[in-house]
Amino acid sequence: MGTVPVLFGALGLAALQTCSAPPDVPAVITNPTAEGRAELARTVSRALNGASITLADDALVRESALIVERARPRDLEGRPLTGRETGRPEHFQLVKSGARCVLVHEGSGRRFTLASVTCAPP
């Protein structure tokens, strides 16, 4: 009789895994548009607490990872100031989660659905 609860527990766990959300699959943007790029930039800025950012037009088009580095301080003539840069780059990954394209901020685990972006596994 001791094995019956274990069997039901295993069956219950298998049923939960079957009914759970589909797994995330790394993805790339398939049809980049100005609207999608603007949404991506707004989303990354929001994930970084409103920081001003600049993204390349082909961000997330060739690979699913996005790394955002901090801007280096410059002097009045535009030359980089010397000194140690202590900030770490921020890492994001684009994933396909069911039918949705989701940007995941790896540092916080926060997830942002991108409504204006189409994506597919690379």
N, C-alpha and C. Protein backbone atom coordinates (compact mmCIF):
# COMPACT_ATOMS: atom_id res chain seq x y z
N MET A 1 0.82 -1.18 0.00
CA MET A 1 0.00 0.00 0.00
C MET A 1 0.87 1.25 0.00
N GLY A 2 2.11 1.15 0.42
CA GLY A 2 3.01 2.30 0.44
C GLY A 2 3.38 2.78 -0.95
N THR A 3 3.30 1.93 -1.97
CA THR A 3 3.68 2.34 -3.32
C THR A 3 2.55 3.04 -4.06
N VAL A 4 1.32 2.89 -3.65
CA VAL A 4 0.19 3.50 -4.36
C VAL A 4 0.27 5.03 -4.33
N PRO A 5 0.51 5.69 -3.16
CA PRO A 5 0.61 7.15 -3.18
C PRO A 5 1.76 7.65 -4.06
N VAL A 6 2.86 6.91 -4.08
CA VAL A 6 3.98 7.32 -4.91
C VAL A 6 3.60 7.24 -6.38
N LEU A 7 2.88 6.20 -6.77
CA LEU A 7 2.45 6.03 -8.15
C LEU A 7 1.52 7.16 -8.55
N PHE A 8 0.54 7.47 -7.71
CA PHE A 8 -0.37 8.57 -8.02
C PHE A 8 0.36 9.90 -8.07
N GLY A 9 1.34 10.07 -7.19
CA GLY A 9 2.14 11.29 -7.20
C GLY A 9 2.91 11.44 -8.50
N ALA A 10 3.49 10.36 -8.97
CA ALA A 10 4.24 10.40 -10.23
C ALA A 10 3.31 10.67 -11.40
N LEU A 11 2.12 10.06 -11.41
CA LEU A 11 1.16 10.31 -12.48
C LEU A 11 0.67 11.76 -12.45
N GLY A 12 0.45 12.29 -11.27
CA GLY A 12 0.03 13.69 -11.13
C GLY A 12 1.09 14.64 -11.64
N LEU A 13 2.34 14.36 -11.33
CA LEU A 13 3.44 15.20 -11.80
C LEU A 13 3.55 15.14 -13.32
N ALA A 14 3.39 13.97 -13.90
CA ALA A 14 3.44 13.83 -15.36
C ALA A 14 2.29 14.60 -16.00
N ALA A 15 1.12 14.58 -15.40
CA ALA A 15 -0.03 15.31 -15.94
C ALA A 15 0.22 16.81 -15.87
N LEU A 16 0.81 17.31 -14.80
CA LEU A 16 1.12 18.73 -14.70
C LEU A 16 2.12 19.16 -15.75
N GLN A 17 3.13 18.35 -15.99
CA GLN A 17 4.12 18.68 -17.00
C GLN A 17 3.51 18.70 -18.39
N THR A 18 2.56 17.81 -18.66
CA THR A 18 1.91 17.75 -19.95
C THR A 18 1.03 18.98 -20.17
N CYS A 19 0.36 19.47 -19.11
CA CYS A 19 -0.57 20.59 -19.23
C CYS A 19 0.12 21.94 -19.06
N SER A 20 1.37 21.97 -18.68
CA SER A 20 2.04 23.23 -18.43
C SER A 20 2.33 23.96 -19.74
N ALA A 21 2.77 25.20 -19.61
CA ALA A 21 3.07 26.03 -20.77
C ALA A 21 4.18 25.39 -21.60
N PRO A 22 4.16 25.65 -22.90
CA PRO A 22 5.21 25.08 -23.75
C PRO A 22 6.57 25.64 -23.34
N PRO A 23 7.62 24.88 -23.55
CA PRO A 23 8.95 25.35 -23.16
C PRO A 23 9.40 26.51 -24.03
N ASP A 24 10.23 27.36 -23.46
CA ASP A 24 10.82 28.46 -24.20
C ASP A 24 11.85 27.90 -25.19
N VAL A 25 11.85 28.47 -26.40
CA VAL A 25 12.81 28.08 -27.42
C VAL A 25 13.53 29.34 -27.86
N PRO A 26 14.87 29.36 -27.89
CA PRO A 26 15.58 30.55 -28.37
C PRO A 26 15.05 30.93 -29.75
N ALA A 27 14.94 32.24 -29.99
CA ALA A 27 14.34 32.72 -31.24
C ALA A 27 15.07 33.96 -31.75
N VAL A 28 14.83 34.27 -33.02
CA VAL A 28 15.34 35.49 -33.64
C VAL A 28 14.15 36.20 -34.29
N ILE A 29 14.31 37.50 -34.49
CA ILE A 29 13.26 38.28 -35.15
C ILE A 29 13.24 37.91 -36.63
N THR A 30 12.05 37.59 -37.14
CA THR A 30 11.95 37.11 -38.52
C THR A 30 11.59 38.20 -39.51
N ASN A 31 10.86 39.20 -39.11
CA ASN A 31 10.45 40.25 -40.03
C ASN A 31 10.62 41.59 -39.34
N PRO A 32 11.86 42.10 -39.27
CA PRO A 32 12.09 43.32 -38.52
C PRO A 32 11.35 44.52 -39.14
N THR A 33 10.67 45.27 -38.29
CA THR A 33 9.97 46.47 -38.72
C THR A 33 10.37 47.62 -37.82
N ALA A 34 10.10 48.83 -38.25
CA ALA A 34 10.39 50.00 -37.42
C ALA A 34 9.58 49.95 -36.13
N GLU A 35 8.32 49.50 -36.23
CA GLU A 35 7.48 49.39 -35.05
C GLU A 35 8.04 48.36 -34.06
N GLY A 36 8.49 47.22 -34.57
CA GLY A 36 9.07 46.19 -33.72
C GLY A 36 10.36 46.64 -33.07
N ARG A 37 11.21 47.35 -33.83
CA ARG A 37 12.47 47.86 -33.26
C ARG A 37 12.18 48.89 -32.16
N ALA A 38 11.18 49.75 -32.38
CA ALA A 38 10.83 50.74 -31.37
C ALA A 38 10.31 50.06 -30.11
N GLU A 39 9.48 49.03 -30.27
CA GLU A 39 8.98 48.30 -29.10
C GLU A 39 10.12 47.61 -28.36
N LEU A 40 11.05 47.01 -29.10
CA LEU A 40 12.20 46.36 -28.48
C LEU A 40 13.02 47.36 -27.68
N ALA A 41 13.29 48.53 -28.26
CA ALA A 41 14.07 49.56 -27.55
C ALA A 41 13.34 50.03 -26.30
N ARG A 42 12.03 50.25 -26.39
CA ARG A 42 11.25 50.67 -25.20
C ARG A 42 11.28 49.60 -24.12
N THR A 43 11.18 48.35 -24.54
CA THR A 43 11.16 47.24 -23.59
C THR A 43 12.50 47.09 -22.88
N VAL A 44 13.59 47.17 -23.62
CA VAL A 44 14.92 47.07 -23.01
C VAL A 44 15.14 48.25 -22.06
N SER A 45 14.74 49.44 -22.47
CA SER A 45 14.86 50.62 -21.60
C SER A 45 14.07 50.42 -20.31
N ARG A 46 12.84 49.92 -20.44
CA ARG A 46 12.00 49.67 -19.25
C ARG A 46 12.64 48.63 -18.34
N ALA A 47 13.22 47.59 -18.94
CA ALA A 47 13.87 46.54 -18.14
C ALA A 47 15.07 47.10 -17.38
N LEU A 48 15.67 48.17 -17.93
CA LEU A 48 16.85 48.78 -17.31
C LEU A 48 16.47 50.06 -16.57
N ASN A 49 15.26 50.09 -16.06
CA ASN A 49 14.77 51.21 -15.24
C ASN A 49 14.80 52.55 -15.96
N GLY A 50 14.45 52.54 -17.25
CA GLY A 50 14.34 53.78 -18.01
C GLY A 50 15.64 54.31 -18.57
N ALA A 51 16.70 53.52 -18.54
CA ALA A 51 17.98 53.97 -19.08
C ALA A 51 17.85 54.28 -20.57
N SER A 52 18.55 55.29 -21.01
CA SER A 52 18.59 55.64 -22.43
C SER A 52 19.47 54.61 -23.14
N ILE A 53 18.95 54.01 -24.20
CA ILE A 53 19.71 52.97 -24.90
C ILE A 53 19.68 53.22 -26.40
N THR A 54 20.64 52.63 -27.08
CA THR A 54 20.68 52.63 -28.54
C THR A 54 20.89 51.19 -28.98
N LEU A 55 20.01 50.71 -29.84
CA LEU A 55 20.12 49.35 -30.36
C LEU A 55 20.39 49.39 -31.86
N ALA A 56 21.15 48.44 -32.35
CA ALA A 56 21.38 48.32 -33.78
C ALA A 56 20.08 47.89 -34.47
N ASP A 57 19.92 48.27 -35.72
CA ASP A 57 18.71 47.90 -36.47
C ASP A 57 18.57 46.39 -36.61
N ASP A 58 19.68 45.66 -36.56
CA ASP A 58 19.61 44.21 -36.72
C ASP A 58 19.69 43.45 -35.38
N ALA A 59 19.40 44.16 -34.28
CA ALA A 59 19.42 43.50 -32.96
C ALA A 59 18.43 42.34 -32.95
N LEU A 60 18.87 41.18 -32.51
CA LEU A 60 18.10 39.95 -32.37
C LEU A 60 17.63 39.37 -33.71
N VAL A 61 18.22 39.80 -34.80
CA VAL A 61 17.85 39.26 -36.11
C VAL A 61 18.69 38.02 -36.45
N ARG A 62 19.95 38.01 -36.05
CA ARG A 62 20.84 36.88 -36.38
C ARG A 62 21.05 35.92 -35.21
N GLU A 63 20.89 36.39 -34.01
CA GLU A 63 21.06 35.52 -32.84
C GLU A 63 20.07 35.94 -31.76
N SER A 64 19.79 35.01 -30.85
CA SER A 64 18.76 35.23 -29.84
C SER A 64 19.25 36.01 -28.62
N ALA A 65 20.55 36.22 -28.52
CA ALA A 65 21.11 36.93 -27.36
C ALA A 65 21.30 38.41 -27.70
N LEU A 66 21.03 39.24 -26.72
CA LEU A 66 21.26 40.68 -26.83
C LEU A 66 22.05 41.11 -25.61
N ILE A 67 23.20 41.74 -25.84
CA ILE A 67 24.03 42.23 -24.75
C ILE A 67 24.07 43.74 -24.85
N VAL A 68 23.68 44.41 -23.77
CA VAL A 68 23.66 45.87 -23.73
C VAL A 68 24.76 46.33 -22.79
N GLU A 69 25.72 47.03 -23.36
CA GLU A 69 26.83 47.55 -22.54
C GLU A 69 26.52 48.96 -22.10
N ARG A 70 27.08 49.33 -20.98
CA ARG A 70 26.93 50.70 -20.48
C ARG A 70 27.76 51.64 -21.35
N ALA A 71 27.24 52.84 -21.54
CA ALA A 71 27.99 53.84 -22.30
C ALA A 71 29.21 54.27 -21.50
N ARG A 72 30.33 54.39 -22.18
CA ARG A 72 31.56 54.81 -21.50
C ARG A 72 31.56 56.32 -21.37
N PRO A 73 31.91 56.84 -20.20
CA PRO A 73 31.97 58.30 -20.03
C PRO A 73 33.03 58.90 -20.95
N ARG A 74 32.71 60.08 -21.49
CA ARG A 74 33.62 60.77 -22.41
C ARG A 74 33.83 62.21 -21.95
N ASP A 75 34.96 62.77 -22.39
CA ASP A 75 35.23 64.17 -22.07
C ASP A 75 34.49 65.08 -23.06
N LEU A 76 34.66 66.37 -22.96
CA LEU A 76 33.96 67.33 -23.81
C LEU A 76 34.28 67.18 -25.29
N GLU A 77 35.43 66.60 -25.60
CA GLU A 77 35.81 66.40 -26.99
C GLU A 77 35.44 65.01 -27.51
N GLY A 78 34.75 64.25 -26.70
CA GLY A 78 34.28 62.94 -27.12
C GLY A 78 35.24 61.79 -26.91
N ARG A 79 36.38 62.04 -26.29
CA ARG A 79 37.34 60.97 -26.02
C ARG A 79 36.93 60.20 -24.77
N PRO A 80 37.11 58.88 -24.79
CA PRO A 80 36.78 58.10 -23.59
C PRO A 80 37.63 58.54 -22.40
N LEU A 81 36.99 58.68 -21.26
CA LEU A 81 37.72 59.00 -20.05
C LEU A 81 38.46 57.76 -19.59
N THR A 82 39.63 57.96 -19.07
CA THR A 82 40.39 56.82 -18.56
C THR A 82 39.84 56.44 -17.20
N GLY A 83 40.00 55.22 -16.89
CA GLY A 83 39.50 54.73 -15.61
C GLY A 83 38.85 53.39 -15.79
N ARG A 84 38.59 52.79 -14.71
CA ARG A 84 38.03 51.45 -14.74
C ARG A 84 36.52 51.51 -14.89
N GLU A 85 35.98 50.71 -15.81
CA GLU A 85 34.54 50.60 -15.99
C GLU A 85 34.04 49.49 -15.07
N THR A 86 33.18 49.85 -14.12
CA THR A 86 32.74 48.87 -13.13
C THR A 86 31.39 48.25 -13.45
N GLY A 87 30.66 48.83 -14.39
CA GLY A 87 29.34 48.28 -14.72
C GLY A 87 29.46 47.06 -15.62
N ARG A 88 28.60 46.11 -15.39
CA ARG A 88 28.57 44.90 -16.21
C ARG A 88 27.52 45.05 -17.30
N PRO A 89 27.74 44.42 -18.44
CA PRO A 89 26.72 44.46 -19.49
C PRO A 89 25.46 43.72 -19.05
N GLU A 90 24.34 44.11 -19.60
CA GLU A 90 23.06 43.45 -19.32
C GLU A 90 22.78 42.45 -20.43
N HIS A 91 22.30 41.27 -20.05
CA HIS A 91 22.05 40.21 -21.01
C HIS A 91 20.55 39.95 -21.14
N PHE A 92 20.11 39.82 -22.38
CA PHE A 92 18.73 39.50 -22.69
C PHE A 92 18.72 38.32 -23.66
N GLN A 93 17.60 37.60 -23.68
CA GLN A 93 17.44 36.54 -24.67
C GLN A 93 16.01 36.60 -25.20
N LEU A 94 15.89 36.47 -26.52
CA LEU A 94 14.59 36.39 -27.15
C LEU A 94 14.21 34.92 -27.24
N VAL A 95 13.00 34.60 -26.79
CA VAL A 95 12.52 33.22 -26.85
C VAL A 95 11.13 33.19 -27.47
N LYS A 96 10.82 32.07 -28.06
CA LYS A 96 9.48 31.80 -28.55
C LYS A 96 8.82 30.98 -27.45
N SER A 97 7.73 31.50 -26.90
CA SER A 97 7.00 30.82 -25.83
C SER A 97 5.59 30.58 -26.33
N GLY A 98 5.33 29.40 -26.86
CA GLY A 98 4.07 29.15 -27.53
C GLY A 98 4.05 29.99 -28.81
N ALA A 99 3.04 30.85 -28.95
CA ALA A 99 2.94 31.71 -30.13
C ALA A 99 3.55 33.09 -29.88
N ARG A 100 4.00 33.34 -28.66
CA ARG A 100 4.49 34.68 -28.29
C ARG A 100 6.00 34.79 -28.41
N CYS A 101 6.45 36.02 -28.73
CA CYS A 101 7.87 36.36 -28.69
C CYS A 101 8.10 37.07 -27.36
N VAL A 102 9.00 36.53 -26.56
CA VAL A 102 9.21 37.05 -25.21
C VAL A 102 10.69 37.40 -25.03
N LEU A 103 10.94 38.60 -24.53
CA LEU A 103 12.30 39.03 -24.21
C LEU A 103 12.53 38.76 -22.73
N VAL A 104 13.58 38.01 -22.42
CA VAL A 104 13.90 37.65 -21.03
C VAL A 104 15.14 38.41 -20.60
N HIS A 105 15.01 39.18 -19.51
CA HIS A 105 16.17 39.86 -18.92
C HIS A 105 16.83 38.85 -18.00
N GLU A 106 18.00 38.39 -18.37
CA GLU A 106 18.63 37.30 -17.63
C GLU A 106 19.04 37.70 -16.22
N GLY A 107 19.36 38.97 -16.00
CA GLY A 107 19.77 39.40 -14.67
C GLY A 107 18.66 39.33 -13.64
N SER A 108 17.43 39.65 -14.06
CA SER A 108 16.31 39.68 -13.12
C SER A 108 15.32 38.55 -13.35
N GLY A 109 15.38 37.92 -14.53
CA GLY A 109 14.41 36.88 -14.86
C GLY A 109 13.08 37.44 -15.35
N ARG A 110 12.97 38.76 -15.41
CA ARG A 110 11.72 39.37 -15.88
C ARG A 110 11.50 39.05 -17.34
N ARG A 111 10.21 38.88 -17.70
CA ARG A 111 9.81 38.50 -19.04
C ARG A 111 8.91 39.58 -19.62
N PHE A 112 9.15 39.92 -20.89
CA PHE A 112 8.39 40.97 -21.56
C PHE A 112 7.90 40.43 -22.90
N THR A 113 6.59 40.37 -23.08
CA THR A 113 6.03 39.94 -24.36
C THR A 113 6.13 41.08 -25.36
N LEU A 114 6.63 40.77 -26.55
CA LEU A 114 6.78 41.77 -27.61
C LEU A 114 5.64 41.57 -28.60
N ALA A 115 4.64 42.45 -28.56
CA ALA A 115 3.45 42.31 -29.40
C ALA A 115 3.70 42.64 -30.87
N SER A 116 4.66 43.53 -31.15
CA SER A 116 4.90 43.99 -32.52
C SER A 116 6.01 43.23 -33.23
N VAL A 117 6.48 42.17 -32.63
CA VAL A 117 7.63 41.43 -33.17
C VAL A 117 7.20 40.02 -33.54
N THR A 118 7.68 39.57 -34.71
CA THR A 118 7.48 38.17 -35.07
C THR A 118 8.83 37.48 -34.94
N CYS A 119 8.81 36.24 -34.45
CA CYS A 119 10.06 35.53 -34.23
C CYS A 119 9.88 34.04 -34.48
N ALA A 120 11.01 33.38 -34.64
CA ALA A 120 11.03 31.93 -34.87
C ALA A 120 12.39 31.42 -34.42
N PRO A 121 12.48 30.12 -34.14
CA PRO A 121 13.79 29.56 -33.79
C PRO A 121 14.78 29.80 -34.93
N PRO A 122 16.05 30.02 -34.59
CA PRO A 122 17.05 30.28 -35.65
C PRO A 122 17.28 29.09 -36.55
